[in-house]
Amino acid sequence: MDSKAKPQEERWTAERCYITELLNSDSQPEVSLARTRVEPGVTTQLHRLSVFEWYVIEAGQGLMRVGDETPFAVGPGDTVAIAKNVAQQISNTGDEDLCFLCVCTPKFSQKCYTSLE
């Protein structure tokens, strides 16, 4: 098992945000960690994952949509739990980048992602 992970380069995604994979390894299939950056005025693609996910907001302001819940404001220090197969989307409502960590269990893979747009 690798005991040290090396972050990947930040990349633009079809989800309308930038993602940096911090931990996503076949040797540690139980969890993955990524940093996401959403530019001001941008709303990410409506989607669902077949894994559990948590958003940990680091910077910026946003409006979070989870399933059928009423959208709610998020900011630094907030953590949002998203059950598997539940629709999700986040909008950057501020003037600076919205940055957050995405923790997935088990680890994220592209096959667990479904666009709802």
N, C-alpha and C. Protein backbone atom coordinates (compact mmCIF):
# COMPACT_ATOMS: atom_id res chain seq x y z
N MET A 1 0.84 -1.18 0.00
CA MET A 1 0.00 0.00 0.00
C MET A 1 0.89 1.24 0.00
N ASP A 2 0.52 2.22 -0.83
CA ASP A 2 1.24 3.49 -0.85
C ASP A 2 0.91 4.26 0.41
N SER A 3 1.94 4.75 1.14
CA SER A 3 1.64 5.54 2.31
C SER A 3 1.70 7.03 2.06
N LYS A 4 2.10 7.41 0.86
CA LYS A 4 2.14 8.83 0.53
C LYS A 4 1.44 9.04 -0.81
N ALA A 5 0.47 9.95 -0.81
CA ALA A 5 -0.26 10.27 -2.04
C ALA A 5 0.28 11.58 -2.60
N LYS A 6 0.33 11.67 -3.91
CA LYS A 6 0.78 12.89 -4.57
C LYS A 6 -0.42 13.51 -5.29
N PRO A 7 -0.79 14.76 -4.94
CA PRO A 7 -1.93 15.39 -5.61
C PRO A 7 -1.72 15.52 -7.11
N GLN A 8 -2.79 15.40 -7.84
CA GLN A 8 -2.77 15.60 -9.28
C GLN A 8 -2.88 17.10 -9.57
N GLU A 9 -2.69 17.48 -10.82
CA GLU A 9 -2.86 18.87 -11.24
C GLU A 9 -4.34 19.22 -11.25
N GLU A 10 -4.65 20.48 -10.95
CA GLU A 10 -6.03 20.95 -11.05
C GLU A 10 -6.47 20.83 -12.51
N ARG A 11 -7.72 20.36 -12.72
CA ARG A 11 -8.24 20.23 -14.08
C ARG A 11 -9.67 20.72 -14.16
N TRP A 12 -10.00 21.30 -15.31
CA TRP A 12 -11.37 21.75 -15.60
C TRP A 12 -12.19 20.51 -15.93
N THR A 13 -13.45 20.47 -15.46
CA THR A 13 -14.31 19.32 -15.73
C THR A 13 -15.60 19.76 -16.40
N ALA A 14 -16.28 18.81 -17.02
CA ALA A 14 -17.59 19.07 -17.63
C ALA A 14 -18.62 19.45 -16.58
N GLU A 15 -18.28 19.24 -15.34
CA GLU A 15 -19.17 19.60 -14.24
C GLU A 15 -19.20 21.12 -13.99
N ARG A 16 -18.38 21.86 -14.75
CA ARG A 16 -18.28 23.33 -14.67
C ARG A 16 -17.51 23.80 -13.43
N CYS A 17 -16.50 23.01 -13.06
CA CYS A 17 -15.67 23.39 -11.92
C CYS A 17 -14.27 22.80 -12.13
N TYR A 18 -13.34 23.24 -11.30
CA TYR A 18 -11.98 22.73 -11.31
C TYR A 18 -11.83 21.72 -10.18
N ILE A 19 -11.15 20.61 -10.45
CA ILE A 19 -10.96 19.57 -9.44
C ILE A 19 -9.49 19.19 -9.37
N THR A 20 -9.01 19.05 -8.14
CA THR A 20 -7.67 18.53 -7.87
C THR A 20 -7.83 17.27 -7.03
N GLU A 21 -7.47 16.14 -7.59
CA GLU A 21 -7.50 14.88 -6.85
C GLU A 21 -6.35 14.88 -5.86
N LEU A 22 -6.66 14.79 -4.56
CA LEU A 22 -5.64 14.76 -3.52
C LEU A 22 -5.32 13.33 -3.10
N LEU A 23 -6.36 12.48 -3.11
CA LEU A 23 -6.19 11.07 -2.75
C LEU A 23 -7.23 10.27 -3.51
N ASN A 24 -6.78 9.41 -4.40
CA ASN A 24 -7.68 8.52 -5.12
C ASN A 24 -6.81 7.39 -5.68
N SER A 25 -6.72 6.32 -4.91
CA SER A 25 -5.78 5.25 -5.23
C SER A 25 -6.45 3.89 -5.12
N ASP A 26 -6.12 3.00 -6.05
CA ASP A 26 -6.64 1.64 -5.98
C ASP A 26 -6.15 0.93 -4.72
N SER A 27 -5.05 1.39 -4.16
CA SER A 27 -4.53 0.76 -2.94
C SER A 27 -5.31 1.20 -1.69
N GLN A 28 -6.16 2.23 -1.84
CA GLN A 28 -7.01 2.70 -0.74
C GLN A 28 -8.43 2.92 -1.26
N PRO A 29 -9.13 1.83 -1.59
CA PRO A 29 -10.44 1.95 -2.24
C PRO A 29 -11.55 2.44 -1.33
N GLU A 30 -11.29 2.55 -0.04
CA GLU A 30 -12.35 2.93 0.88
C GLU A 30 -12.66 4.41 0.91
N VAL A 31 -11.77 5.27 0.35
CA VAL A 31 -12.00 6.72 0.44
C VAL A 31 -11.23 7.45 -0.65
N SER A 32 -11.76 8.60 -1.06
CA SER A 32 -11.02 9.52 -1.93
C SER A 32 -11.25 10.93 -1.42
N LEU A 33 -10.33 11.81 -1.79
CA LEU A 33 -10.38 13.20 -1.35
C LEU A 33 -9.98 14.08 -2.52
N ALA A 34 -10.78 15.11 -2.79
CA ALA A 34 -10.48 16.06 -3.87
C ALA A 34 -10.82 17.46 -3.40
N ARG A 35 -10.14 18.44 -3.99
CA ARG A 35 -10.47 19.84 -3.75
C ARG A 35 -11.16 20.35 -5.01
N THR A 36 -12.29 21.03 -4.81
CA THR A 36 -13.07 21.57 -5.92
C THR A 36 -13.09 23.09 -5.83
N ARG A 37 -13.02 23.73 -6.98
CA ARG A 37 -13.05 25.20 -7.05
C ARG A 37 -14.10 25.60 -8.09
N VAL A 38 -15.08 26.40 -7.63
CA VAL A 38 -16.16 26.89 -8.49
C VAL A 38 -16.03 28.41 -8.59
N GLU A 39 -15.96 28.91 -9.80
CA GLU A 39 -15.79 30.34 -10.00
C GLU A 39 -17.08 31.12 -9.69
N PRO A 40 -16.95 32.42 -9.37
CA PRO A 40 -18.12 33.24 -9.05
C PRO A 40 -19.17 33.18 -10.16
N GLY A 41 -20.44 33.06 -9.75
CA GLY A 41 -21.55 33.06 -10.69
C GLY A 41 -21.82 31.73 -11.37
N VAL A 42 -21.00 30.71 -11.09
CA VAL A 42 -21.13 29.41 -11.75
C VAL A 42 -21.94 28.45 -10.88
N THR A 43 -22.78 27.65 -11.53
CA THR A 43 -23.51 26.56 -10.90
C THR A 43 -23.02 25.25 -11.51
N THR A 44 -22.66 24.31 -10.66
CA THR A 44 -22.17 23.04 -11.17
C THR A 44 -23.29 22.24 -11.80
N GLN A 45 -22.89 21.23 -12.54
CA GLN A 45 -23.84 20.35 -13.20
C GLN A 45 -24.64 19.57 -12.15
N LEU A 46 -25.95 19.47 -12.37
CA LEU A 46 -26.79 18.64 -11.52
C LEU A 46 -26.39 17.18 -11.77
N HIS A 47 -26.07 16.46 -10.69
CA HIS A 47 -25.59 15.09 -10.84
C HIS A 47 -25.86 14.28 -9.58
N ARG A 48 -25.57 13.00 -9.67
CA ARG A 48 -25.62 12.14 -8.49
C ARG A 48 -24.44 11.18 -8.57
N LEU A 49 -24.06 10.68 -7.40
CA LEU A 49 -22.97 9.72 -7.29
C LEU A 49 -23.50 8.44 -6.64
N SER A 50 -22.93 7.32 -7.01
CA SER A 50 -23.33 6.06 -6.40
C SER A 50 -22.44 5.72 -5.19
N VAL A 51 -21.85 6.77 -4.60
CA VAL A 51 -21.06 6.65 -3.38
C VAL A 51 -21.52 7.75 -2.42
N PHE A 52 -21.18 7.62 -1.15
CA PHE A 52 -21.47 8.68 -0.18
C PHE A 52 -20.45 9.80 -0.38
N GLU A 53 -20.88 11.04 -0.16
CA GLU A 53 -19.98 12.18 -0.35
C GLU A 53 -20.24 13.24 0.70
N TRP A 54 -19.17 13.93 1.08
CA TRP A 54 -19.27 15.06 1.98
C TRP A 54 -18.54 16.23 1.33
N TYR A 55 -19.15 17.41 1.39
CA TYR A 55 -18.49 18.66 0.99
C TYR A 55 -18.06 19.36 2.28
N VAL A 56 -16.81 19.77 2.34
CA VAL A 56 -16.29 20.55 3.46
C VAL A 56 -15.88 21.90 2.88
N ILE A 57 -16.68 22.92 3.16
CA ILE A 57 -16.47 24.24 2.56
C ILE A 57 -15.27 24.92 3.21
N GLU A 58 -14.32 25.32 2.36
CA GLU A 58 -13.10 25.98 2.85
C GLU A 58 -13.13 27.49 2.66
N ALA A 59 -13.68 27.97 1.54
CA ALA A 59 -13.67 29.41 1.24
C ALA A 59 -14.82 29.73 0.29
N GLY A 60 -15.32 30.96 0.39
CA GLY A 60 -16.36 31.42 -0.50
C GLY A 60 -17.76 31.17 0.06
N GLN A 61 -18.74 31.53 -0.75
CA GLN A 61 -20.15 31.41 -0.36
C GLN A 61 -20.89 30.67 -1.47
N GLY A 62 -21.85 29.85 -1.07
CA GLY A 62 -22.58 29.10 -2.07
C GLY A 62 -24.00 28.79 -1.66
N LEU A 63 -24.72 28.22 -2.61
CA LEU A 63 -26.08 27.74 -2.39
C LEU A 63 -26.08 26.27 -2.79
N MET A 64 -26.38 25.40 -1.82
CA MET A 64 -26.30 23.95 -2.00
C MET A 64 -27.68 23.37 -2.23
N ARG A 65 -27.76 22.48 -3.19
CA ARG A 65 -29.00 21.75 -3.48
C ARG A 65 -28.72 20.26 -3.29
N VAL A 66 -29.49 19.62 -2.40
CA VAL A 66 -29.34 18.20 -2.13
C VAL A 66 -30.71 17.55 -2.20
N GLY A 67 -30.92 16.71 -3.20
CA GLY A 67 -32.19 16.01 -3.35
C GLY A 67 -33.36 16.98 -3.43
N ASP A 68 -34.42 16.67 -2.69
CA ASP A 68 -35.63 17.49 -2.69
C ASP A 68 -35.63 18.56 -1.60
N GLU A 69 -34.51 18.67 -0.85
CA GLU A 69 -34.42 19.68 0.20
C GLU A 69 -34.46 21.08 -0.40
N THR A 70 -34.93 22.04 0.37
CA THR A 70 -34.84 23.44 -0.04
C THR A 70 -33.37 23.82 -0.12
N PRO A 71 -32.92 24.45 -1.22
CA PRO A 71 -31.51 24.87 -1.30
C PRO A 71 -31.14 25.73 -0.09
N PHE A 72 -29.89 25.59 0.37
CA PHE A 72 -29.46 26.29 1.58
C PHE A 72 -28.07 26.87 1.38
N ALA A 73 -27.82 27.97 2.11
CA ALA A 73 -26.54 28.67 2.01
C ALA A 73 -25.44 27.88 2.71
N VAL A 74 -24.23 27.93 2.13
CA VAL A 74 -23.06 27.30 2.73
C VAL A 74 -21.89 28.29 2.69
N GLY A 75 -21.00 28.14 3.64
CA GLY A 75 -19.81 28.97 3.70
C GLY A 75 -18.72 28.26 4.47
N PRO A 76 -17.58 28.93 4.67
CA PRO A 76 -16.43 28.31 5.32
C PRO A 76 -16.80 27.64 6.65
N GLY A 77 -16.32 26.39 6.80
CA GLY A 77 -16.58 25.63 8.02
C GLY A 77 -17.78 24.72 7.93
N ASP A 78 -18.64 24.90 6.93
CA ASP A 78 -19.82 24.04 6.78
C ASP A 78 -19.43 22.70 6.16
N THR A 79 -20.10 21.64 6.60
CA THR A 79 -19.96 20.32 6.02
C THR A 79 -21.33 19.85 5.59
N VAL A 80 -21.43 19.36 4.37
CA VAL A 80 -22.70 18.88 3.81
C VAL A 80 -22.54 17.39 3.49
N ALA A 81 -23.43 16.56 4.07
CA ALA A 81 -23.44 15.12 3.80
C ALA A 81 -24.42 14.84 2.68
N ILE A 82 -23.99 14.05 1.71
CA ILE A 82 -24.82 13.72 0.54
C ILE A 82 -24.88 12.20 0.43
N ALA A 83 -26.07 11.65 0.61
CA ALA A 83 -26.25 10.20 0.51
C ALA A 83 -26.03 9.75 -0.92
N LYS A 84 -25.68 8.49 -1.10
CA LYS A 84 -25.47 7.99 -2.45
C LYS A 84 -26.77 8.01 -3.24
N ASN A 85 -26.62 8.27 -4.54
CA ASN A 85 -27.72 8.33 -5.51
C ASN A 85 -28.70 9.47 -5.27
N VAL A 86 -28.27 10.53 -4.58
CA VAL A 86 -29.10 11.70 -4.34
C VAL A 86 -28.58 12.84 -5.22
N ALA A 87 -29.51 13.53 -5.91
CA ALA A 87 -29.13 14.65 -6.78
C ALA A 87 -28.46 15.75 -5.96
N GLN A 88 -27.45 16.37 -6.58
CA GLN A 88 -26.72 17.44 -5.89
C GLN A 88 -26.22 18.47 -6.89
N GLN A 89 -26.07 19.70 -6.38
CA GLN A 89 -25.59 20.80 -7.20
C GLN A 89 -25.22 21.94 -6.26
N ILE A 90 -24.20 22.71 -6.63
CA ILE A 90 -23.82 23.86 -5.81
C ILE A 90 -23.58 25.06 -6.73
N SER A 91 -24.00 26.23 -6.25
CA SER A 91 -23.81 27.50 -6.97
C SER A 91 -22.90 28.39 -6.17
N ASN A 92 -21.99 29.08 -6.84
CA ASN A 92 -21.15 30.07 -6.18
C ASN A 92 -21.92 31.38 -6.19
N THR A 93 -22.34 31.84 -5.01
CA THR A 93 -23.13 33.06 -4.90
C THR A 93 -22.29 34.27 -4.48
N GLY A 94 -20.99 34.06 -4.34
CA GLY A 94 -20.12 35.13 -3.87
C GLY A 94 -19.30 35.77 -4.98
N ASP A 95 -18.36 36.63 -4.55
CA ASP A 95 -17.48 37.35 -5.47
C ASP A 95 -16.10 36.73 -5.58
N GLU A 96 -15.86 35.65 -4.85
CA GLU A 96 -14.57 34.95 -4.90
C GLU A 96 -14.84 33.47 -5.19
N ASP A 97 -13.77 32.73 -5.48
CA ASP A 97 -13.93 31.32 -5.74
C ASP A 97 -14.54 30.60 -4.53
N LEU A 98 -15.41 29.65 -4.80
CA LEU A 98 -15.96 28.76 -3.79
C LEU A 98 -15.09 27.51 -3.81
N CYS A 99 -14.43 27.21 -2.70
CA CYS A 99 -13.51 26.08 -2.62
C CYS A 99 -13.96 25.13 -1.53
N PHE A 100 -13.96 23.85 -1.85
CA PHE A 100 -14.37 22.86 -0.85
C PHE A 100 -13.70 21.52 -1.13
N LEU A 101 -13.59 20.74 -0.06
CA LEU A 101 -13.08 19.38 -0.17
C LEU A 101 -14.25 18.45 -0.43
N CYS A 102 -14.02 17.42 -1.24
CA CYS A 102 -15.01 16.37 -1.50
C CYS A 102 -14.43 15.06 -0.99
N VAL A 103 -15.10 14.48 -0.01
CA VAL A 103 -14.70 13.21 0.54
C VAL A 103 -15.71 12.17 0.07
N CYS A 104 -15.25 11.11 -0.59
CA CYS A 104 -16.14 10.06 -1.09
C CYS A 104 -15.77 8.73 -0.46
N THR A 105 -16.81 7.96 -0.13
CA THR A 105 -16.59 6.61 0.38
C THR A 105 -17.66 5.68 -0.17
N PRO A 106 -17.27 4.58 -0.83
CA PRO A 106 -15.89 4.29 -1.21
C PRO A 106 -15.37 5.33 -2.19
N LYS A 107 -14.15 5.14 -2.67
CA LYS A 107 -13.49 6.16 -3.48
C LYS A 107 -14.26 6.49 -4.75
N PHE A 108 -14.11 7.73 -5.19
CA PHE A 108 -14.74 8.20 -6.42
C PHE A 108 -14.09 7.54 -7.63
N SER A 109 -14.93 7.21 -8.61
CA SER A 109 -14.47 6.84 -9.94
C SER A 109 -15.49 7.41 -10.92
N GLN A 110 -15.08 7.64 -12.13
CA GLN A 110 -15.97 8.26 -13.11
C GLN A 110 -17.24 7.42 -13.33
N LYS A 111 -17.15 6.11 -13.14
CA LYS A 111 -18.33 5.26 -13.34
C LYS A 111 -19.41 5.47 -12.28
N CYS A 112 -19.07 6.09 -11.16
CA CYS A 112 -20.09 6.34 -10.12
C CYS A 112 -20.82 7.68 -10.36
N TYR A 113 -20.42 8.43 -11.37
CA TYR A 113 -20.98 9.75 -11.67
C TYR A 113 -22.08 9.65 -12.72
N THR A 114 -23.24 10.27 -12.44
CA THR A 114 -24.32 10.34 -13.42
C THR A 114 -24.79 11.78 -13.54
N SER A 115 -24.69 12.33 -14.74
CA SER A 115 -25.20 13.68 -14.99
C SER A 115 -26.73 13.61 -15.03
N LEU A 116 -27.36 14.61 -14.45
CA LEU A 116 -28.83 14.70 -14.47
C LEU A 116 -29.29 15.84 -15.35
N GLU A 117 -28.42 16.33 -16.20
CA GLU A 117 -28.76 17.41 -17.13
C GLU A 117 -28.88 16.87 -18.54
